[in-house]
Amino acid sequence: MAGLRLIVGLGNPGAEYLRTRHNAGFWFVDALAAGQGERWGFDGKLHGETCKVRIGGEPVWLLKPATFMNKSGLAVASALRYYKIEPAQCLLAHDELDLDAGTVRLKFDGGHGGQNGLRDTIAHLGHAKFHRLRIGIGHPGHKDKVTPWVLGRPSARDEDAILDGIARALDVLPLAVSGQFDKAMQQLHTPGNRESGMGNR
């Protein structure tokens, strides 16, 4: 399978959303850009902020949509078209209610699971043939509490767990960029010492 050429972090723009659970996708690409000393620049035609990094020696575009989460598909589709990148060469990093804080999973294709950024991207592309990095944020326990939960800040313990999960995902990213997704998944999904005891349940 072809490697990655575009990594999109999903989140909501604006300082008030910066450290919220829903912005875990932004946390991921921000960590990636900061690790290489790259600065974000706004690109109107792509409806978001972009920068370019090198992962395992390969050039990869990063994108943070400047639309709100439920309109993320516009930026994703625009970037794929503009850079002439196939959806299968794209990874969307997003928050995942169904995984404990600190648990991170790679996935290809599948449904949106109620995640509005995925939902809109699938609607724009007409399919779901792209990679996802599911960053666990835990679940509040009842569906009526989901909105304030995702738009709220995690506890210090959960934030540490989420950042730890992001660090482990960054470790396997060179494998994914080179097209070795099975190997990346195996490494990321095998519980290591850093993952034990994480989570809020």
N, C-alpha and C. Protein backbone atom coordinates (compact mmCIF):
# COMPACT_ATOMS: atom_id res chain seq x y z
N MET A 1 0.85 -1.20 0.00
CA MET A 1 0.00 0.00 0.00
C MET A 1 0.89 1.25 0.00
N ALA A 2 0.48 2.27 -0.73
CA ALA A 2 1.27 3.50 -0.82
C ALA A 2 1.39 4.16 0.55
N GLY A 3 2.50 4.84 0.75
CA GLY A 3 2.74 5.52 2.02
C GLY A 3 1.98 6.82 2.12
N LEU A 4 2.17 7.53 3.22
CA LEU A 4 1.43 8.77 3.49
C LEU A 4 2.12 9.99 2.88
N ARG A 5 1.30 10.89 2.34
CA ARG A 5 1.83 12.16 1.83
C ARG A 5 1.13 13.37 2.45
N LEU A 6 0.01 13.09 3.15
CA LEU A 6 -0.75 14.18 3.79
C LEU A 6 -1.27 13.68 5.14
N ILE A 7 -1.03 14.46 6.19
CA ILE A 7 -1.56 14.15 7.52
C ILE A 7 -2.41 15.33 7.96
N VAL A 8 -3.67 15.06 8.25
CA VAL A 8 -4.61 16.10 8.65
C VAL A 8 -4.97 15.92 10.12
N GLY A 9 -4.82 16.97 10.90
CA GLY A 9 -5.29 16.94 12.28
C GLY A 9 -6.68 17.56 12.32
N LEU A 10 -7.63 16.87 12.94
CA LEU A 10 -8.98 17.41 13.05
C LEU A 10 -9.16 18.12 14.39
N GLY A 11 -9.86 19.26 14.35
CA GLY A 11 -10.11 20.02 15.56
C GLY A 11 -10.92 21.26 15.24
N ASN A 12 -11.11 22.10 16.24
CA ASN A 12 -11.80 23.37 16.07
C ASN A 12 -10.80 24.52 16.20
N PRO A 13 -10.86 25.50 15.28
CA PRO A 13 -9.94 26.64 15.38
C PRO A 13 -10.35 27.57 16.53
N GLY A 14 -9.39 28.33 17.03
CA GLY A 14 -9.69 29.30 18.08
C GLY A 14 -9.09 28.92 19.42
N ALA A 15 -8.62 29.94 20.13
CA ALA A 15 -7.91 29.71 21.40
C ALA A 15 -8.77 28.98 22.43
N GLU A 16 -10.09 29.23 22.39
CA GLU A 16 -10.96 28.62 23.42
C GLU A 16 -11.07 27.10 23.28
N TYR A 17 -10.69 26.58 22.11
CA TYR A 17 -10.78 25.12 21.88
C TYR A 17 -9.42 24.43 21.99
N LEU A 18 -8.38 25.23 22.21
CA LEU A 18 -7.01 24.74 22.08
C LEU A 18 -6.73 23.44 22.81
N ARG A 19 -7.05 23.36 24.09
CA ARG A 19 -6.69 22.18 24.89
C ARG A 19 -7.88 21.25 25.13
N THR A 20 -8.92 21.39 24.33
CA THR A 20 -10.09 20.53 24.52
C THR A 20 -9.83 19.14 23.94
N ARG A 21 -10.60 18.16 24.43
CA ARG A 21 -10.45 16.77 23.96
C ARG A 21 -10.68 16.67 22.45
N HIS A 22 -11.65 17.46 21.95
CA HIS A 22 -12.02 17.39 20.54
C HIS A 22 -10.87 17.80 19.62
N ASN A 23 -9.86 18.48 20.19
CA ASN A 23 -8.74 18.97 19.39
C ASN A 23 -7.53 18.05 19.45
N ALA A 24 -7.72 16.81 19.87
CA ALA A 24 -6.60 15.87 19.97
C ALA A 24 -5.88 15.70 18.63
N GLY A 25 -6.62 15.79 17.53
CA GLY A 25 -6.01 15.70 16.20
C GLY A 25 -5.05 16.86 15.94
N PHE A 26 -5.44 18.06 16.38
CA PHE A 26 -4.55 19.22 16.29
C PHE A 26 -3.31 19.00 17.15
N TRP A 27 -3.50 18.43 18.35
CA TRP A 27 -2.35 18.19 19.24
C TRP A 27 -1.31 17.35 18.51
N PHE A 28 -1.81 16.35 17.78
CA PHE A 28 -0.90 15.42 17.09
C PHE A 28 -0.06 16.13 16.03
N VAL A 29 -0.72 16.87 15.13
CA VAL A 29 0.05 17.52 14.05
C VAL A 29 0.88 18.68 14.59
N ASP A 30 0.41 19.34 15.66
CA ASP A 30 1.21 20.40 16.28
C ASP A 30 2.51 19.82 16.85
N ALA A 31 2.40 18.64 17.49
CA ALA A 31 3.58 17.99 18.05
C ALA A 31 4.55 17.61 16.93
N LEU A 32 4.00 17.17 15.81
CA LEU A 32 4.82 16.77 14.66
C LEU A 32 5.55 17.97 14.07
N ALA A 33 4.83 19.08 13.90
CA ALA A 33 5.44 20.30 13.34
C ALA A 33 6.48 20.87 14.31
N ALA A 34 6.14 20.93 15.60
CA ALA A 34 7.04 21.50 16.60
C ALA A 34 8.32 20.69 16.71
N GLY A 35 8.20 19.37 16.57
CA GLY A 35 9.36 18.50 16.65
C GLY A 35 10.38 18.76 15.56
N GLN A 36 9.92 19.36 14.46
CA GLN A 36 10.84 19.68 13.35
C GLN A 36 11.06 21.19 13.20
N GLY A 37 10.53 21.94 14.16
CA GLY A 37 10.72 23.39 14.12
C GLY A 37 10.01 24.07 12.97
N GLU A 38 8.95 23.45 12.46
CA GLU A 38 8.20 24.03 11.32
C GLU A 38 7.10 24.96 11.81
N ARG A 39 6.84 26.01 11.06
CA ARG A 39 5.79 26.97 11.40
C ARG A 39 4.60 26.81 10.45
N TRP A 40 3.41 26.98 11.01
CA TRP A 40 2.18 26.87 10.21
C TRP A 40 1.94 28.17 9.44
N GLY A 41 1.39 28.02 8.23
CA GLY A 41 0.99 29.19 7.46
C GLY A 41 -0.42 28.98 6.92
N PHE A 42 -1.24 30.02 6.95
CA PHE A 42 -2.63 29.87 6.48
C PHE A 42 -2.67 29.89 4.96
N ASP A 43 -3.46 28.98 4.39
CA ASP A 43 -3.64 28.89 2.94
C ASP A 43 -5.13 28.90 2.64
N GLY A 44 -5.62 30.05 2.13
CA GLY A 44 -7.06 30.22 1.91
C GLY A 44 -7.66 29.19 0.97
N LYS A 45 -6.92 28.82 -0.08
CA LYS A 45 -7.50 27.87 -1.05
C LYS A 45 -7.64 26.47 -0.45
N LEU A 46 -6.89 26.20 0.63
CA LEU A 46 -6.99 24.89 1.28
C LEU A 46 -7.84 24.96 2.56
N HIS A 47 -8.36 26.15 2.86
CA HIS A 47 -9.26 26.33 4.02
C HIS A 47 -8.61 25.86 5.31
N GLY A 48 -7.30 26.15 5.45
CA GLY A 48 -6.63 25.72 6.67
C GLY A 48 -5.19 26.17 6.74
N GLU A 49 -4.53 25.75 7.80
CA GLU A 49 -3.11 26.02 8.00
C GLU A 49 -2.30 24.81 7.54
N THR A 50 -1.18 25.06 6.89
CA THR A 50 -0.36 23.96 6.38
C THR A 50 1.11 24.18 6.75
N CYS A 51 1.84 23.10 6.75
CA CYS A 51 3.30 23.15 6.77
C CYS A 51 3.80 21.82 6.22
N LYS A 52 5.09 21.76 5.95
CA LYS A 52 5.68 20.56 5.36
C LYS A 52 6.76 20.03 6.28
N VAL A 53 6.75 18.72 6.51
CA VAL A 53 7.77 18.09 7.36
C VAL A 53 8.41 16.94 6.58
N ARG A 54 9.49 16.41 7.13
CA ARG A 54 10.09 15.19 6.57
C ARG A 54 9.99 14.10 7.62
N ILE A 55 9.44 12.96 7.21
CA ILE A 55 9.27 11.83 8.12
C ILE A 55 9.94 10.63 7.48
N GLY A 56 10.97 10.11 8.14
CA GLY A 56 11.73 9.01 7.55
C GLY A 56 12.34 9.40 6.22
N GLY A 57 12.68 10.69 6.09
CA GLY A 57 13.30 11.18 4.86
C GLY A 57 12.32 11.57 3.76
N GLU A 58 11.01 11.30 3.99
CA GLU A 58 9.99 11.59 2.96
C GLU A 58 9.26 12.90 3.28
N PRO A 59 8.98 13.72 2.25
CA PRO A 59 8.23 14.95 2.49
C PRO A 59 6.74 14.64 2.71
N VAL A 60 6.17 15.23 3.74
CA VAL A 60 4.75 15.02 4.06
C VAL A 60 4.12 16.37 4.40
N TRP A 61 2.96 16.63 3.80
CA TRP A 61 2.22 17.86 4.12
C TRP A 61 1.38 17.64 5.37
N LEU A 62 1.32 18.66 6.21
CA LEU A 62 0.42 18.67 7.37
C LEU A 62 -0.65 19.72 7.15
N LEU A 63 -1.85 19.43 7.63
CA LEU A 63 -2.98 20.35 7.45
C LEU A 63 -3.82 20.41 8.72
N LYS A 64 -4.16 21.64 9.13
CA LYS A 64 -5.15 21.86 10.20
C LYS A 64 -6.29 22.67 9.59
N PRO A 65 -7.46 22.05 9.36
CA PRO A 65 -8.57 22.81 8.79
C PRO A 65 -8.93 24.02 9.66
N ALA A 66 -9.22 25.15 9.00
CA ALA A 66 -9.64 26.35 9.72
C ALA A 66 -11.16 26.44 9.79
N THR A 67 -11.82 25.46 9.18
CA THR A 67 -13.26 25.34 9.30
C THR A 67 -13.53 24.70 10.66
N PHE A 68 -14.76 24.69 11.10
CA PHE A 68 -15.04 23.96 12.34
C PHE A 68 -15.10 22.47 12.03
N MET A 69 -15.05 21.68 13.10
CA MET A 69 -14.94 20.22 12.96
C MET A 69 -15.93 19.65 11.96
N ASN A 70 -17.21 20.08 12.05
CA ASN A 70 -18.24 19.47 11.20
C ASN A 70 -18.17 19.89 9.74
N LYS A 71 -17.17 20.75 9.40
CA LYS A 71 -16.95 21.15 8.00
C LYS A 71 -15.55 20.77 7.53
N SER A 72 -14.92 19.83 8.24
CA SER A 72 -13.52 19.46 7.95
C SER A 72 -13.32 18.92 6.54
N GLY A 73 -14.33 18.27 5.98
CA GLY A 73 -14.20 17.63 4.67
C GLY A 73 -13.82 18.58 3.56
N LEU A 74 -14.24 19.85 3.67
CA LEU A 74 -13.92 20.85 2.65
C LEU A 74 -12.41 21.03 2.54
N ALA A 75 -11.74 21.18 3.69
CA ALA A 75 -10.29 21.37 3.69
C ALA A 75 -9.57 20.10 3.23
N VAL A 76 -10.02 18.94 3.71
CA VAL A 76 -9.38 17.68 3.34
C VAL A 76 -9.46 17.46 1.83
N ALA A 77 -10.67 17.60 1.28
CA ALA A 77 -10.87 17.38 -0.16
C ALA A 77 -10.08 18.39 -0.99
N SER A 78 -10.03 19.65 -0.53
CA SER A 78 -9.28 20.70 -1.25
C SER A 78 -7.79 20.37 -1.28
N ALA A 79 -7.24 19.93 -0.15
CA ALA A 79 -5.81 19.62 -0.08
C ALA A 79 -5.46 18.41 -0.94
N LEU A 80 -6.30 17.39 -0.91
CA LEU A 80 -6.05 16.20 -1.75
C LEU A 80 -6.02 16.57 -3.22
N ARG A 81 -6.97 17.42 -3.61
CA ARG A 81 -7.03 17.87 -5.02
C ARG A 81 -5.81 18.71 -5.38
N TYR A 82 -5.52 19.68 -4.53
CA TYR A 82 -4.45 20.63 -4.83
C TYR A 82 -3.08 19.95 -4.91
N TYR A 83 -2.81 19.07 -3.95
CA TYR A 83 -1.51 18.39 -3.93
C TYR A 83 -1.48 17.13 -4.81
N LYS A 84 -2.63 16.80 -5.42
CA LYS A 84 -2.75 15.59 -6.26
C LYS A 84 -2.35 14.33 -5.47
N ILE A 85 -2.96 14.20 -4.30
CA ILE A 85 -2.70 13.08 -3.40
C ILE A 85 -3.94 12.19 -3.35
N GLU A 86 -3.74 10.89 -3.42
CA GLU A 86 -4.86 9.95 -3.31
C GLU A 86 -5.32 9.87 -1.85
N PRO A 87 -6.64 9.71 -1.62
CA PRO A 87 -7.13 9.57 -0.24
C PRO A 87 -6.41 8.47 0.55
N ALA A 88 -6.01 7.39 -0.14
CA ALA A 88 -5.32 6.28 0.54
C ALA A 88 -3.92 6.68 1.01
N GLN A 89 -3.45 7.88 0.59
CA GLN A 89 -2.15 8.38 1.04
C GLN A 89 -2.31 9.46 2.10
N CYS A 90 -3.52 9.51 2.67
CA CYS A 90 -3.87 10.54 3.65
C CYS A 90 -4.21 9.90 5.00
N LEU A 91 -3.76 10.53 6.08
CA LEU A 91 -4.08 10.09 7.44
C LEU A 91 -4.81 11.22 8.15
N LEU A 92 -5.97 10.91 8.71
CA LEU A 92 -6.71 11.88 9.53
C LEU A 92 -6.53 11.52 11.00
N ALA A 93 -5.99 12.43 11.78
CA ALA A 93 -5.82 12.22 13.22
C ALA A 93 -7.01 12.87 13.93
N HIS A 94 -7.70 12.11 14.77
CA HIS A 94 -8.91 12.63 15.41
C HIS A 94 -9.12 12.03 16.80
N ASP A 95 -9.93 12.72 17.60
CA ASP A 95 -10.30 12.23 18.93
C ASP A 95 -11.27 11.06 18.79
N GLU A 96 -11.19 10.12 19.72
CA GLU A 96 -12.00 8.90 19.65
C GLU A 96 -12.61 8.60 21.03
N LEU A 97 -13.94 8.74 21.12
CA LEU A 97 -14.66 8.50 22.38
C LEU A 97 -14.60 7.04 22.82
N ASP A 98 -14.53 6.12 21.86
CA ASP A 98 -14.62 4.69 22.18
C ASP A 98 -13.31 4.09 22.67
N LEU A 99 -12.26 4.90 22.78
CA LEU A 99 -10.98 4.42 23.31
C LEU A 99 -10.63 5.21 24.57
N ASP A 100 -10.07 4.53 25.56
CA ASP A 100 -9.63 5.21 26.78
C ASP A 100 -8.56 6.24 26.46
N ALA A 101 -8.48 7.28 27.29
CA ALA A 101 -7.40 8.25 27.16
C ALA A 101 -6.08 7.51 27.25
N GLY A 102 -5.20 7.75 26.29
CA GLY A 102 -3.90 7.08 26.27
C GLY A 102 -3.84 5.93 25.29
N THR A 103 -4.99 5.46 24.81
CA THR A 103 -5.01 4.41 23.80
C THR A 103 -5.09 5.05 22.42
N VAL A 104 -4.23 4.62 21.51
CA VAL A 104 -4.18 5.19 20.16
C VAL A 104 -4.16 4.04 19.16
N ARG A 105 -4.98 4.15 18.11
CA ARG A 105 -5.10 3.07 17.13
C ARG A 105 -5.06 3.61 15.70
N LEU A 106 -4.42 2.86 14.82
CA LEU A 106 -4.45 3.15 13.39
C LEU A 106 -5.55 2.32 12.75
N LYS A 107 -6.18 2.88 11.73
CA LYS A 107 -7.28 2.18 11.05
C LYS A 107 -7.38 2.69 9.62
N PHE A 108 -7.83 1.82 8.72
CA PHE A 108 -8.08 2.24 7.34
C PHE A 108 -9.54 1.94 7.01
N ASP A 109 -10.22 2.91 6.39
CA ASP A 109 -11.61 2.73 5.95
C ASP A 109 -12.55 2.56 7.16
N GLY A 110 -13.80 2.30 6.92
CA GLY A 110 -14.78 2.11 8.00
C GLY A 110 -15.70 3.31 8.16
N GLY A 111 -16.60 3.22 9.12
CA GLY A 111 -17.59 4.27 9.35
C GLY A 111 -17.00 5.45 10.11
N HIS A 112 -17.85 6.46 10.38
CA HIS A 112 -17.37 7.65 11.08
C HIS A 112 -17.58 7.57 12.59
N GLY A 113 -18.38 6.61 13.05
CA GLY A 113 -18.57 6.43 14.49
C GLY A 113 -19.11 7.66 15.20
N GLY A 114 -19.81 8.53 14.47
CA GLY A 114 -20.36 9.73 15.09
C GLY A 114 -19.38 10.89 15.16
N GLN A 115 -18.15 10.69 14.69
CA GLN A 115 -17.15 11.76 14.71
C GLN A 115 -17.44 12.69 13.53
N ASN A 116 -17.81 13.95 13.83
CA ASN A 116 -18.31 14.84 12.78
C ASN A 116 -17.28 15.22 11.72
N GLY A 117 -16.01 15.27 12.10
CA GLY A 117 -14.97 15.57 11.10
C GLY A 117 -14.84 14.44 10.10
N LEU A 118 -14.88 13.20 10.60
CA LEU A 118 -14.86 12.04 9.70
C LEU A 118 -16.12 12.00 8.85
N ARG A 119 -17.26 12.27 9.49
CA ARG A 119 -18.55 12.23 8.78
C ARG A 119 -18.53 13.17 7.58
N ASP A 120 -18.03 14.40 7.79
CA ASP A 120 -18.02 15.40 6.72
C ASP A 120 -16.99 15.04 5.64
N THR A 121 -15.86 14.49 6.06
CA THR A 121 -14.84 14.08 5.09
C THR A 121 -15.36 12.96 4.18
N ILE A 122 -16.01 11.98 4.79
CA ILE A 122 -16.59 10.88 4.01
C ILE A 122 -17.65 11.41 3.05
N ALA A 123 -18.44 12.39 3.51
CA ALA A 123 -19.47 12.99 2.64
C ALA A 123 -18.83 13.71 1.46
N HIS A 124 -17.73 14.42 1.68
CA HIS A 124 -17.05 15.16 0.60
C HIS A 124 -16.38 14.22 -0.39
N LEU A 125 -15.76 13.16 0.13
CA LEU A 125 -15.02 12.25 -0.75
C LEU A 125 -15.92 11.21 -1.41
N GLY A 126 -17.05 10.91 -0.78
CA GLY A 126 -17.95 9.88 -1.29
C GLY A 126 -17.53 8.47 -0.90
N HIS A 127 -16.50 8.37 -0.04
CA HIS A 127 -16.03 7.06 0.43
C HIS A 127 -15.19 7.30 1.69
N ALA A 128 -14.68 6.21 2.27
CA ALA A 128 -13.90 6.33 3.51
C ALA A 128 -12.53 5.67 3.37
N LYS A 129 -12.01 5.62 2.14
CA LYS A 129 -10.75 4.92 1.88
C LYS A 129 -9.55 5.79 2.22
N PHE A 130 -9.44 6.13 3.49
CA PHE A 130 -8.29 6.87 3.98
C PHE A 130 -7.92 6.32 5.36
N HIS A 131 -6.72 6.67 5.81
CA HIS A 131 -6.24 6.17 7.09
C HIS A 131 -6.70 7.09 8.22
N ARG A 132 -6.86 6.50 9.40
CA ARG A 132 -7.21 7.31 10.57
C ARG A 132 -6.25 6.98 11.70
N LEU A 133 -5.94 7.99 12.48
CA LEU A 133 -5.26 7.78 13.76
C LEU A 133 -6.28 8.16 14.83
N ARG A 134 -6.77 7.13 15.52
CA ARG A 134 -7.83 7.32 16.52
C ARG A 134 -7.17 7.55 17.88
N ILE A 135 -7.30 8.78 18.37
CA ILE A 135 -6.66 9.17 19.63
C ILE A 135 -7.71 9.12 20.74
N GLY A 136 -7.58 8.15 21.63
CA GLY A 136 -8.57 7.93 22.67
C GLY A 136 -8.68 9.10 23.64
N ILE A 137 -9.93 9.50 23.92
CA ILE A 137 -10.17 10.57 24.91
C ILE A 137 -11.09 10.08 26.03
N GLY A 138 -11.50 8.78 25.96
CA GLY A 138 -12.42 8.26 26.96
C GLY A 138 -13.85 8.71 26.70
N HIS A 139 -14.79 8.13 27.41
CA HIS A 139 -16.21 8.42 27.24
C HIS A 139 -16.80 8.87 28.57
N PRO A 140 -17.67 9.88 28.56
CA PRO A 140 -18.23 10.37 29.83
C PRO A 140 -19.22 9.41 30.48
N GLY A 141 -19.61 8.35 29.75
CA GLY A 141 -20.50 7.35 30.33
C GLY A 141 -21.94 7.43 29.88
N HIS A 142 -22.36 8.59 29.36
CA HIS A 142 -23.74 8.74 28.87
C HIS A 142 -23.73 9.65 27.65
N LYS A 143 -24.54 9.30 26.66
CA LYS A 143 -24.51 10.06 25.39
C LYS A 143 -24.90 11.52 25.57
N ASP A 144 -25.74 11.81 26.58
CA ASP A 144 -26.15 13.20 26.81
C ASP A 144 -25.00 14.07 27.31
N LYS A 145 -23.94 13.44 27.79
CA LYS A 145 -22.80 14.20 28.32
C LYS A 145 -21.67 14.34 27.31
N VAL A 146 -21.86 13.77 26.10
CA VAL A 146 -20.76 13.73 25.12
C VAL A 146 -20.32 15.12 24.68
N THR A 147 -21.26 16.02 24.34
CA THR A 147 -20.87 17.34 23.81
C THR A 147 -20.03 18.13 24.81
N PRO A 148 -20.50 18.31 26.06
CA PRO A 148 -19.64 19.04 27.00
C PRO A 148 -18.32 18.32 27.28
N TRP A 149 -18.33 16.99 27.17
CA TRP A 149 -17.10 16.21 27.40
C TRP A 149 -16.07 16.50 26.32
N VAL A 150 -16.47 16.39 25.03
CA VAL A 150 -15.48 16.58 23.96
C VAL A 150 -15.03 18.03 23.88
N LEU A 151 -15.91 18.97 24.23
CA LEU A 151 -15.56 20.39 24.17
C LEU A 151 -14.93 20.88 25.47
N GLY A 152 -14.73 19.96 26.42
CA GLY A 152 -14.10 20.31 27.68
C GLY A 152 -12.63 19.89 27.70
N ARG A 153 -11.92 20.36 28.71
CA ARG A 153 -10.50 19.99 28.86
C ARG A 153 -10.39 18.71 29.66
N PRO A 154 -9.49 17.84 29.28
CA PRO A 154 -9.28 16.63 30.06
C PRO A 154 -8.63 16.94 31.40
N SER A 155 -8.76 16.02 32.32
CA SER A 155 -8.05 16.14 33.60
C SER A 155 -6.55 16.09 33.31
N ALA A 156 -5.75 16.51 34.30
CA ALA A 156 -4.29 16.48 34.12
C ALA A 156 -3.82 15.06 33.81
N ARG A 157 -4.41 14.08 34.50
CA ARG A 157 -4.01 12.69 34.29
C ARG A 157 -4.36 12.24 32.88
N ASP A 158 -5.58 12.56 32.43
CA ASP A 158 -5.99 12.17 31.08
C ASP A 158 -5.17 12.89 30.01
N GLU A 159 -4.87 14.17 30.26
CA GLU A 159 -4.07 14.91 29.27
C GLU A 159 -2.68 14.27 29.13
N ASP A 160 -2.09 13.89 30.26
CA ASP A 160 -0.79 13.20 30.21
C ASP A 160 -0.89 11.90 29.42
N ALA A 161 -2.00 11.16 29.65
CA ALA A 161 -2.20 9.89 28.95
C ALA A 161 -2.35 10.11 27.44
N ILE A 162 -3.13 11.14 27.06
CA ILE A 162 -3.34 11.45 25.64
C ILE A 162 -2.01 11.84 24.99
N LEU A 163 -1.24 12.68 25.66
CA LEU A 163 0.06 13.10 25.12
C LEU A 163 1.03 11.93 25.01
N ASP A 164 0.95 11.00 25.95
CA ASP A 164 1.78 9.80 25.90
C ASP A 164 1.40 8.94 24.68
N GLY A 165 0.08 8.83 24.44
CA GLY A 165 -0.40 8.09 23.27
C GLY A 165 0.07 8.73 21.97
N ILE A 166 0.02 10.06 21.94
CA ILE A 166 0.48 10.79 20.76
C ILE A 166 1.97 10.55 20.53
N ALA A 167 2.75 10.53 21.61
CA ALA A 167 4.19 10.28 21.48
C ALA A 167 4.45 8.89 20.90
N ARG A 168 3.66 7.89 21.32
CA ARG A 168 3.83 6.54 20.78
C ARG A 168 3.43 6.48 19.30
N ALA A 169 2.40 7.25 18.93
CA ALA A 169 1.98 7.30 17.52
C ALA A 169 3.05 7.95 16.67
N LEU A 170 3.70 9.00 17.20
CA LEU A 170 4.79 9.66 16.47
C LEU A 170 5.95 8.69 16.24
N ASP A 171 6.18 7.80 17.21
CA ASP A 171 7.26 6.82 17.09
C ASP A 171 7.08 5.89 15.88
N VAL A 172 5.82 5.53 15.58
CA VAL A 172 5.58 4.57 14.49
C VAL A 172 5.28 5.25 13.16
N LEU A 173 5.21 6.57 13.17
CA LEU A 173 4.83 7.30 11.95
C LEU A 173 5.76 7.03 10.76
N PRO A 174 7.09 6.93 10.96
CA PRO A 174 7.95 6.64 9.80
C PRO A 174 7.55 5.34 9.09
N LEU A 175 7.09 4.35 9.84
CA LEU A 175 6.64 3.09 9.22
C LEU A 175 5.42 3.34 8.34
N ALA A 176 4.45 4.12 8.86
CA ALA A 176 3.23 4.41 8.09
C ALA A 176 3.55 5.23 6.85
N VAL A 177 4.45 6.19 6.99
CA VAL A 177 4.82 7.04 5.85
C VAL A 177 5.47 6.21 4.74
N SER A 178 6.21 5.17 5.13
CA SER A 178 6.87 4.33 4.13
C SER A 178 5.94 3.22 3.61
N GLY A 179 4.67 3.22 4.06
CA GLY A 179 3.71 2.24 3.56
C GLY A 179 3.64 0.95 4.36
N GLN A 180 4.40 0.88 5.46
CA GLN A 180 4.41 -0.34 6.29
C GLN A 180 3.35 -0.23 7.40
N PHE A 181 2.09 -0.16 6.96
CA PHE A 181 1.00 0.07 7.92
C PHE A 181 0.80 -1.09 8.89
N ASP A 182 0.93 -2.31 8.39
CA ASP A 182 0.76 -3.47 9.26
C ASP A 182 1.78 -3.46 10.39
N LYS A 183 3.01 -3.13 10.04
CA LYS A 183 4.08 -3.08 11.03
C LYS A 183 3.83 -1.94 12.03
N ALA A 184 3.39 -0.79 11.49
CA ALA A 184 3.09 0.36 12.35
C ALA A 184 1.96 0.01 13.33
N MET A 185 0.92 -0.64 12.83
CA MET A 185 -0.21 -1.04 13.67
C MET A 185 0.23 -2.02 14.76
N GLN A 186 1.01 -3.02 14.34
CA GLN A 186 1.47 -4.03 15.29
C GLN A 186 2.25 -3.38 16.44
N GLN A 187 3.13 -2.46 16.08
CA GLN A 187 3.95 -1.79 17.09
C GLN A 187 3.09 -0.90 17.99
N LEU A 188 2.17 -0.14 17.39
CA LEU A 188 1.35 0.80 18.14
C LEU A 188 0.30 0.10 19.00
N HIS A 189 -0.26 -1.00 18.48
CA HIS A 189 -1.38 -1.66 19.15
C HIS A 189 -0.93 -2.69 20.19
N THR A 190 0.36 -3.00 20.22
CA THR A 190 0.86 -3.94 21.23
C THR A 190 1.12 -3.17 22.51
N PRO A 191 0.39 -3.50 23.58
CA PRO A 191 0.56 -2.73 24.82
C PRO A 191 2.00 -2.82 25.34
N GLY A 192 2.59 -1.66 25.52
CA GLY A 192 3.94 -1.60 26.06
C GLY A 192 3.91 -1.05 27.47
N ASN A 193 5.06 -0.88 28.05
CA ASN A 193 5.13 -0.38 29.42
C ASN A 193 4.53 1.00 29.55
N ARG A 194 4.68 1.81 28.47
CA ARG A 194 4.19 3.19 28.56
C ARG A 194 2.67 3.25 28.60
N GLU A 195 2.01 2.20 28.08
CA GLU A 195 0.54 2.25 28.01
C GLU A 195 -0.11 1.69 29.26
N SER A 196 0.58 0.81 29.98
CA SER A 196 -0.05 0.14 31.11
C SER A 196 -0.46 1.15 32.17
N GLY A 197 -1.65 0.96 32.72
CA GLY A 197 -2.13 1.83 33.77
C GLY A 197 -2.73 3.13 33.26
N MET A 198 -2.71 3.34 31.95
CA MET A 198 -3.31 4.57 31.41
C MET A 198 -4.81 4.40 31.28
N GLY A 199 -5.47 5.49 31.00
CA GLY A 199 -6.93 5.42 30.80
C GLY A 199 -7.64 5.89 32.06
N ASN A 200 -8.91 6.16 31.91
CA ASN A 200 -9.64 6.74 33.04
C ASN A 200 -10.76 5.82 33.51
N ARG A 201 -10.69 4.53 33.10
CA ARG A 201 -11.75 3.64 33.55
C ARG A 201 -11.12 2.38 34.13
